[in-house]
Amino acid sequence: MLSKAYIPYKGYYSSPFARWQGSMANEHAIILAAETTKRWLAEKNMDPAVFDYVYLGLTVHQHQGFYGGPWAAGLMGAG
């Protein structure tokens, strides 16, 4: 299934969720992730439409998180 998947050099980033208990405690994680990803893709001049799939994992459930993957994809312009 994932035999052709790869992460290109500099094609990755670290999310800001290390601070989710501090200054970002009131942020919605899915919206924050989508906005951060959209901004990162714009900085790299990458079109969000290149994504075929979006996998979303949550350690702490967020409101409306059941449809978080498609929602995040739409927010970042990938779907």
PDB file of N, CA and C in Angstrom:
ATOM      1  N   MET A   1       0.811  -1.191   0.000  1.00  0.00           N
ATOM      2  CA  MET A   1       0.000   0.000   0.000  1.00  0.00           C
ATOM      3  C   MET A   1       0.856   1.257   0.000  1.00  0.00           C
ATOM      4  N   LEU A   2       1.875   1.315   0.827  1.00  0.00           N
ATOM      5  CA  LEU A   2       2.712   2.509   0.905  1.00  0.00           C
ATOM      6  C   LEU A   2       4.091   2.263   0.299  1.00  0.00           C
ATOM      7  N   SER A   3       4.179   1.419  -0.684  1.00  0.00           N
ATOM      8  CA  SER A   3       5.481   1.087  -1.265  1.00  0.00           C
ATOM      9  C   SER A   3       6.108   2.258  -2.023  1.00  0.00           C
ATOM     10  N   LYS A   4       5.317   3.237  -2.427  1.00  0.00           N
ATOM     11  CA  LYS A   4       5.851   4.382  -3.167  1.00  0.00           C
ATOM     12  C   LYS A   4       5.854   5.661  -2.332  1.00  0.00           C
ATOM     13  N   ALA A   5       5.593   5.550  -1.040  1.00  0.00           N
ATOM     14  CA  ALA A   5       5.559   6.729  -0.167  1.00  0.00           C
ATOM     15  C   ALA A   5       6.972   7.107   0.254  1.00  0.00           C
ATOM     16  N   TYR A   6       7.226   8.394   0.359  1.00  0.00           N
ATOM     17  CA  TYR A   6       8.522   8.873   0.833  1.00  0.00           C
ATOM     18  C   TYR A   6       8.363  10.284   1.381  1.00  0.00           C
ATOM     19  N   ILE A   7       9.314  10.685   2.183  1.00  0.00           N
ATOM     20  CA  ILE A   7       9.349  12.047   2.710  1.00  0.00           C
ATOM     21  C   ILE A   7      10.580  12.706   2.106  1.00  0.00           C
ATOM     22  N   PRO A   8      10.393  13.635   1.172  1.00  0.00           N
ATOM     23  CA  PRO A   8      11.549  14.257   0.517  1.00  0.00           C
ATOM     24  C   PRO A   8      12.357  15.118   1.480  1.00  0.00           C
ATOM     25  N   TYR A   9      13.625  15.299   1.165  1.00  0.00           N
ATOM     26  CA  TYR A   9      14.502  16.134   1.974  1.00  0.00           C
ATOM     27  C   TYR A   9      13.894  17.519   2.125  1.00  0.00           C
ATOM     28  N   LYS A  10      13.816  18.011   3.335  1.00  0.00           N
ATOM     29  CA  LYS A  10      13.189  19.285   3.697  1.00  0.00           C
ATOM     30  C   LYS A  10      11.693  19.301   3.397  1.00  0.00           C
ATOM     31  N   GLY A  11      11.098  18.148   3.251  1.00  0.00           N
ATOM     32  CA  GLY A  11       9.665  18.050   3.006  1.00  0.00           C
ATOM     33  C   GLY A  11       8.912  17.687   4.264  1.00  0.00           C
ATOM     34  N   TYR A  12       9.343  18.199   5.379  1.00  0.00           N
ATOM     35  CA  TYR A  12       8.729  17.879   6.659  1.00  0.00           C
ATOM     36  C   TYR A  12       8.827  19.091   7.575  1.00  0.00           C
ATOM     37  N   TYR A  13       8.050  19.094   8.614  1.00  0.00           N
ATOM     38  CA  TYR A  13       8.118  20.163   9.605  1.00  0.00           C
ATOM     39  C   TYR A  13       7.661  19.610  10.943  1.00  0.00           C
ATOM     40  N   SER A  14       7.917  20.335  11.970  1.00  0.00           N
ATOM     41  CA  SER A  14       7.494  19.961  13.319  1.00  0.00           C
ATOM     42  C   SER A  14       6.350  20.870  13.734  1.00  0.00           C
ATOM     43  N   SER A  15       5.297  20.282  14.229  1.00  0.00           N
ATOM     44  CA  SER A  15       4.140  21.077  14.636  1.00  0.00           C
ATOM     45  C   SER A  15       4.395  21.776  15.969  1.00  0.00           C
ATOM     46  N   PRO A  16       3.610  22.796  16.262  1.00  0.00           N
ATOM     47  CA  PRO A  16       3.801  23.560  17.505  1.00  0.00           C
ATOM     48  C   PRO A  16       3.107  22.950  18.716  1.00  0.00           C
ATOM     49  N   PHE A  17       2.698  21.687  18.667  1.00  0.00           N
ATOM     50  CA  PHE A  17       1.867  21.122  19.721  1.00  0.00           C
ATOM     51  C   PHE A  17       2.607  20.804  21.008  1.00  0.00           C
ATOM     52  N   ALA A  18       3.902  21.050  21.072  1.00  0.00           N
ATOM     53  CA  ALA A  18       4.621  20.856  22.328  1.00  0.00           C
ATOM     54  C   ALA A  18       4.117  21.830  23.389  1.00  0.00           C
ATOM     55  N   ARG A  19       3.439  22.862  22.977  1.00  0.00           N
ATOM     56  CA  ARG A  19       2.941  23.882  23.909  1.00  0.00           C
ATOM     57  C   ARG A  19       1.436  23.782  24.143  1.00  0.00           C
ATOM     58  N   TRP A  20       0.838  22.657  23.859  1.00  0.00           N
ATOM     59  CA  TRP A  20      -0.616  22.578  23.934  1.00  0.00           C
ATOM     60  C   TRP A  20      -1.166  22.739  25.337  1.00  0.00           C
ATOM     61  N   GLN A  21      -0.345  22.579  26.365  1.00  0.00           N
ATOM     62  CA  GLN A  21      -0.837  22.788  27.723  1.00  0.00           C
ATOM     63  C   GLN A  21      -0.541  24.206  28.215  1.00  0.00           C
ATOM     64  N   GLY A  22       0.221  24.960  27.465  1.00  0.00           N
ATOM     65  CA  GLY A  22       0.591  26.309  27.895  1.00  0.00           C
ATOM     66  C   GLY A  22      -0.177  27.369  27.141  1.00  0.00           C
ATOM     67  N   SER A  23       0.555  28.179  26.398  1.00  0.00           N
ATOM     68  CA  SER A  23      -0.049  29.323  25.714  1.00  0.00           C
ATOM     69  C   SER A  23      -1.022  28.922  24.607  1.00  0.00           C
ATOM     70  N   MET A  24      -0.947  27.691  24.139  1.00  0.00           N
ATOM     71  CA  MET A  24      -1.837  27.244  23.068  1.00  0.00           C
ATOM     72  C   MET A  24      -2.982  26.373  23.578  1.00  0.00           C
ATOM     73  N   ALA A  25      -3.221  26.376  24.875  1.00  0.00           N
ATOM     74  CA  ALA A  25      -4.237  25.511  25.468  1.00  0.00           C
ATOM     75  C   ALA A  25      -5.638  25.781  24.924  1.00  0.00           C
ATOM     76  N   ASN A  26      -5.930  26.992  24.517  1.00  0.00           N
ATOM     77  CA  ASN A  26      -7.269  27.331  24.029  1.00  0.00           C
ATOM     78  C   ASN A  26      -7.390  27.287  22.513  1.00  0.00           C
ATOM     79  N   GLU A  27      -6.343  26.863  21.834  1.00  0.00           N
ATOM     80  CA  GLU A  27      -6.384  26.753  20.372  1.00  0.00           C
ATOM     81  C   GLU A  27      -7.001  25.414  19.974  1.00  0.00           C
ATOM     82  N   HIS A  28      -7.741  25.401  18.890  1.00  0.00           N
ATOM     83  CA  HIS A  28      -8.276  24.150  18.357  1.00  0.00           C
ATOM     84  C   HIS A  28      -7.156  23.485  17.564  1.00  0.00           C
ATOM     85  N   ALA A  29      -6.764  22.290  17.950  1.00  0.00           N
ATOM     86  CA  ALA A  29      -5.594  21.628  17.370  1.00  0.00           C
ATOM     87  C   ALA A  29      -5.724  21.396  15.866  1.00  0.00           C
ATOM     88  N   ILE A  30      -6.905  21.061  15.387  1.00  0.00           N
ATOM     89  CA  ILE A  30      -7.077  20.778  13.959  1.00  0.00           C
ATOM     90  C   ILE A  30      -6.958  22.061  13.134  1.00  0.00           C
ATOM     91  N   ILE A  31      -7.575  23.122  13.609  1.00  0.00           N
ATOM     92  CA  ILE A  31      -7.467  24.406  12.903  1.00  0.00           C
ATOM     93  C   ILE A  31      -6.024  24.897  12.927  1.00  0.00           C
ATOM     94  N   LEU A  32      -5.384  24.794  14.068  1.00  0.00           N
ATOM     95  CA  LEU A  32      -3.985  25.217  14.186  1.00  0.00           C
ATOM     96  C   LEU A  32      -3.084  24.401  13.263  1.00  0.00           C
ATOM     97  N   ALA A  33      -3.292  23.088  13.222  1.00  0.00           N
ATOM     98  CA  ALA A  33      -2.483  22.228  12.347  1.00  0.00           C
ATOM     99  C   ALA A  33      -2.688  22.585  10.880  1.00  0.00           C
ATOM    100  N   ALA A  34      -3.935  22.800  10.484  1.00  0.00           N
ATOM    101  CA  ALA A  34      -4.223  23.132   9.086  1.00  0.00           C
ATOM    102  C   ALA A  34      -3.620  24.479   8.699  1.00  0.00           C
ATOM    103  N   GLU A  35      -3.758  25.471   9.574  1.00  0.00           N
ATOM    104  CA  GLU A  35      -3.193  26.792   9.273  1.00  0.00           C
ATOM    105  C   GLU A  35      -1.671  26.756   9.232  1.00  0.00           C
ATOM    106  N   THR A  36      -1.065  26.007  10.151  1.00  0.00           N
ATOM    107  CA  THR A  36       0.395  25.873  10.168  1.00  0.00           C
ATOM    108  C   THR A  36       0.882  25.165   8.913  1.00  0.00           C
ATOM    109  N   THR A  37       0.194  24.089   8.528  1.00  0.00           N
ATOM    110  CA  THR A  37       0.568  23.341   7.328  1.00  0.00           C
ATOM    111  C   THR A  37       0.399  24.193   6.080  1.00  0.00           C
ATOM    112  N   LYS A  38      -0.697  24.927   5.996  1.00  0.00           N
ATOM    113  CA  LYS A  38      -0.936  25.793   4.834  1.00  0.00           C
ATOM    114  C   LYS A  38       0.162  26.845   4.701  1.00  0.00           C
ATOM    115  N   ARG A  39       0.522  27.451   5.819  1.00  0.00           N
ATOM    116  CA  ARG A  39       1.586  28.466   5.812  1.00  0.00           C
ATOM    117  C   ARG A  39       2.931  27.842   5.421  1.00  0.00           C
ATOM    118  N   TRP A  40       3.229  26.648   5.956  1.00  0.00           N
ATOM    119  CA  TRP A  40       4.490  25.965   5.647  1.00  0.00           C
ATOM    120  C   TRP A  40       4.558  25.607   4.166  1.00  0.00           C
ATOM    121  N   LEU A  41       3.457  25.095   3.619  1.00  0.00           N
ATOM    122  CA  LEU A  41       3.429  24.750   2.196  1.00  0.00           C
ATOM    123  C   LEU A  41       3.634  25.990   1.328  1.00  0.00           C
ATOM    124  N   ALA A  42       3.036  27.100   1.720  1.00  0.00           N
ATOM    125  CA  ALA A  42       3.206  28.351   0.965  1.00  0.00           C
ATOM    126  C   ALA A  42       4.658  28.807   0.992  1.00  0.00           C
ATOM    127  N   GLU A  43       5.314  28.673   2.150  1.00  0.00           N
ATOM    128  CA  GLU A  43       6.731  29.056   2.250  1.00  0.00           C
ATOM    129  C   GLU A  43       7.614  28.198   1.354  1.00  0.00           C
ATOM    130  N   LYS A  44       7.226  26.934   1.154  1.00  0.00           N
ATOM    131  CA  LYS A  44       7.998  26.010   0.317  1.00  0.00           C
ATOM    132  C   LYS A  44       7.535  26.022  -1.137  1.00  0.00           C
ATOM    133  N   ASN A  45       6.571  26.897  -1.458  1.00  0.00           N
ATOM    134  CA  ASN A  45       5.996  26.970  -2.809  1.00  0.00           C
ATOM    135  C   ASN A  45       5.446  25.626  -3.267  1.00  0.00           C
ATOM    136  N   MET A  46       4.772  24.939  -2.361  1.00  0.00           N
ATOM    137  CA  MET A  46       4.165  23.643  -2.672  1.00  0.00           C
ATOM    138  C   MET A  46       2.652  23.810  -2.744  1.00  0.00           C
ATOM    139  N   ASP A  47       2.047  23.180  -3.731  1.00  0.00           N
ATOM    140  CA  ASP A  47       0.598  23.217  -3.903  1.00  0.00           C
ATOM    141  C   ASP A  47      -0.039  22.163  -2.997  1.00  0.00           C
ATOM    142  N   PRO A  48      -0.966  22.529  -2.120  1.00  0.00           N
ATOM    143  CA  PRO A  48      -1.607  21.546  -1.244  1.00  0.00           C
ATOM    144  C   PRO A  48      -2.358  20.462  -2.008  1.00  0.00           C
ATOM    145  N   ALA A  49      -2.687  20.697  -3.257  1.00  0.00           N
ATOM    146  CA  ALA A  49      -3.414  19.713  -4.054  1.00  0.00           C
ATOM    147  C   ALA A  49      -2.571  18.483  -4.390  1.00  0.00           C
ATOM    148  N   VAL A  50      -1.274  18.487  -4.068  1.00  0.00           N
ATOM    149  CA  VAL A  50      -0.433  17.323  -4.359  1.00  0.00           C
ATOM    150  C   VAL A  50      -0.745  16.151  -3.437  1.00  0.00           C
ATOM    151  N   PHE A  51      -1.438  16.398  -2.336  1.00  0.00           N
ATOM    152  CA  PHE A  51      -1.734  15.326  -1.389  1.00  0.00           C
ATOM    153  C   PHE A  51      -2.879  14.455  -1.888  1.00  0.00           C
ATOM    154  N   ASP A  52      -2.653  13.142  -1.862  1.00  0.00           N
ATOM    155  CA  ASP A  52      -3.712  12.193  -2.181  1.00  0.00           C
ATOM    156  C   ASP A  52      -4.484  11.796  -0.926  1.00  0.00           C
ATOM    157  N   TYR A  53      -3.787  11.767   0.200  1.00  0.00           N
ATOM    158  CA  TYR A  53      -4.391  11.355   1.467  1.00  0.00           C
ATOM    159  C   TYR A  53      -3.896  12.260   2.585  1.00  0.00           C
ATOM    160  N   VAL A  54      -4.717  12.431   3.595  1.00  0.00           N
ATOM    161  CA  VAL A  54      -4.319  13.140   4.807  1.00  0.00           C
ATOM    162  C   VAL A  54      -4.635  12.224   5.976  1.00  0.00           C
ATOM    163  N   TYR A  55      -3.625  11.904   6.764  1.00  0.00           N
ATOM    164  CA  TYR A  55      -3.813  11.091   7.961  1.00  0.00           C
ATOM    165  C   TYR A  55      -3.687  12.001   9.168  1.00  0.00           C
ATOM    166  N   LEU A  56      -4.672  11.953  10.029  1.00  0.00           N
ATOM    167  CA  LEU A  56      -4.694  12.818  11.199  1.00  0.00           C
ATOM    168  C   LEU A  56      -4.732  11.948  12.448  1.00  0.00           C
ATOM    169  N   GLY A  57      -3.801  12.183  13.347  1.00  0.00           N
ATOM    170  CA  GLY A  57      -3.788  11.474  14.625  1.00  0.00           C
ATOM    171  C   GLY A  57      -3.950  12.460  15.761  1.00  0.00           C
ATOM    172  N   LEU A  58      -4.776  12.121  16.711  1.00  0.00           N
ATOM    173  CA  LEU A  58      -5.019  12.998  17.856  1.00  0.00           C
ATOM    174  C   LEU A  58      -4.746  12.241  19.150  1.00  0.00           C
ATOM    175  N   THR A  59      -3.996  12.836  20.046  1.00  0.00           N
ATOM    176  CA  THR A  59      -3.808  12.241  21.370  1.00  0.00           C
ATOM    177  C   THR A  59      -4.871  12.742  22.332  1.00  0.00           C
ATOM    178  N   VAL A  60      -5.378  13.927  22.089  1.00  0.00           N
ATOM    179  CA  VAL A  60      -6.470  14.495  22.876  1.00  0.00           C
ATOM    180  C   VAL A  60      -7.562  14.880  21.884  1.00  0.00           C
ATOM    181  N   HIS A  61      -8.744  14.281  22.040  1.00  0.00           N
ATOM    182  CA  HIS A  61      -9.826  14.537  21.082  1.00  0.00           C
ATOM    183  C   HIS A  61     -10.208  16.016  21.075  1.00  0.00           C
ATOM    184  N   GLN A  62     -10.492  16.514  19.904  1.00  0.00           N
ATOM    185  CA  GLN A  62     -10.927  17.895  19.715  1.00  0.00           C
ATOM    186  C   GLN A  62     -12.382  17.900  19.265  1.00  0.00           C
ATOM    187  N   HIS A  63     -13.082  18.981  19.577  1.00  0.00           N
ATOM    188  CA  HIS A  63     -14.453  19.146  19.100  1.00  0.00           C
ATOM    189  C   HIS A  63     -14.459  19.024  17.581  1.00  0.00           C
ATOM    190  N   GLN A  64     -15.358  18.235  17.045  1.00  0.00           N
ATOM    191  CA  GLN A  64     -15.480  17.962  15.612  1.00  0.00           C
ATOM    192  C   GLN A  64     -14.285  17.188  15.068  1.00  0.00           C
ATOM    193  N   GLY A  65     -13.580  16.477  15.928  1.00  0.00           N
ATOM    194  CA  GLY A  65     -12.398  15.730  15.512  1.00  0.00           C
ATOM    195  C   GLY A  65     -12.691  14.475  14.716  1.00  0.00           C
ATOM    196  N   PHE A  66     -13.938  13.972  14.760  1.00  0.00           N
ATOM    197  CA  PHE A  66     -14.261  12.744  14.028  1.00  0.00           C
ATOM    198  C   PHE A  66     -14.014  12.914  12.532  1.00  0.00           C
ATOM    199  N   TYR A  67     -14.340  14.062  12.002  1.00  0.00           N
ATOM    200  CA  TYR A  67     -14.090  14.359  10.589  1.00  0.00           C
ATOM    201  C   TYR A  67     -12.886  15.281  10.431  1.00  0.00           C
ATOM    202  N   GLY A  68     -11.936  15.174  11.336  1.00  0.00           N
ATOM    203  CA  GLY A  68     -10.782  16.065  11.362  1.00  0.00           C
ATOM    204  C   GLY A  68      -9.901  15.997  10.133  1.00  0.00           C
ATOM    205  N   GLY A  69      -9.696  14.801   9.582  1.00  0.00           N
ATOM    206  CA  GLY A  69      -8.838  14.661   8.402  1.00  0.00           C
ATOM    207  C   GLY A  69      -9.358  15.434   7.200  1.00  0.00           C
ATOM    208  N   PRO A  70     -10.601  15.165   6.769  1.00  0.00           N
ATOM    209  CA  PRO A  70     -11.144  15.926   5.640  1.00  0.00           C
ATOM    210  C   PRO A  70     -11.279  17.421   5.933  1.00  0.00           C
ATOM    211  N   TRP A  71     -11.608  17.746   7.175  1.00  0.00           N
ATOM    212  CA  TRP A  71     -11.744  19.155   7.554  1.00  0.00           C
ATOM    213  C   TRP A  71     -10.399  19.867   7.454  1.00  0.00           C
ATOM    214  N   ALA A  72      -9.341  19.252   8.003  1.00  0.00           N
ATOM    215  CA  ALA A  72      -7.998  19.838   7.932  1.00  0.00           C
ATOM    216  C   ALA A  72      -7.545  19.967   6.478  1.00  0.00           C
ATOM    217  N   ALA A  73      -7.831  18.937   5.675  1.00  0.00           N
ATOM    218  CA  ALA A  73      -7.453  18.991   4.259  1.00  0.00           C
ATOM    219  C   ALA A  73      -8.119  20.172   3.565  1.00  0.00           C
ATOM    220  N   GLY A  74      -9.390  20.391   3.850  1.00  0.00           N
ATOM    221  CA  GLY A  74     -10.102  21.523   3.260  1.00  0.00           C
ATOM    222  C   GLY A  74      -9.555  22.860   3.724  1.00  0.00           C
ATOM    223  N   LEU A  75      -9.240  22.952   5.017  1.00  0.00           N
ATOM    224  CA  LEU A  75      -8.710  24.209   5.554  1.00  0.00           C
ATOM    225  C   LEU A  75      -7.353  24.571   4.964  1.00  0.00           C
ATOM    226  N   MET A  76      -6.547  23.548   4.655  1.00  0.00           N
ATOM    227  CA  MET A  76      -5.224  23.867   4.108  1.00  0.00           C
ATOM    228  C   MET A  76      -5.224  23.894   2.586  1.00  0.00           C
ATOM    229  N   GLY A  77      -6.380  23.680   1.969  1.00  0.00           N
ATOM    230  CA  GLY A  77      -6.496  23.784   0.524  1.00  0.00           C
ATOM    231  C   GLY A  77      -6.175  22.510  -0.222  1.00  0.00           C
ATOM    232  N   ALA A  78      -6.134  21.381   0.481  1.00  0.00           N
ATOM    233  CA  ALA A  78      -5.778  20.120  -0.167  1.00  0.00           C
ATOM    234  C   ALA A  78      -7.000  19.341  -0.626  1.00  0.00           C
ATOM    235  N   GLY A  79      -8.163  19.781  -0.314  1.00  0.00           N
ATOM    236  CA  GLY A  79      -9.305  18.964  -0.680  1.00  0.00           C
ATOM    237  C   GLY A  79     -10.507  19.693  -0.882  1.00  0.00           C
TER     238      GLY A  79
END
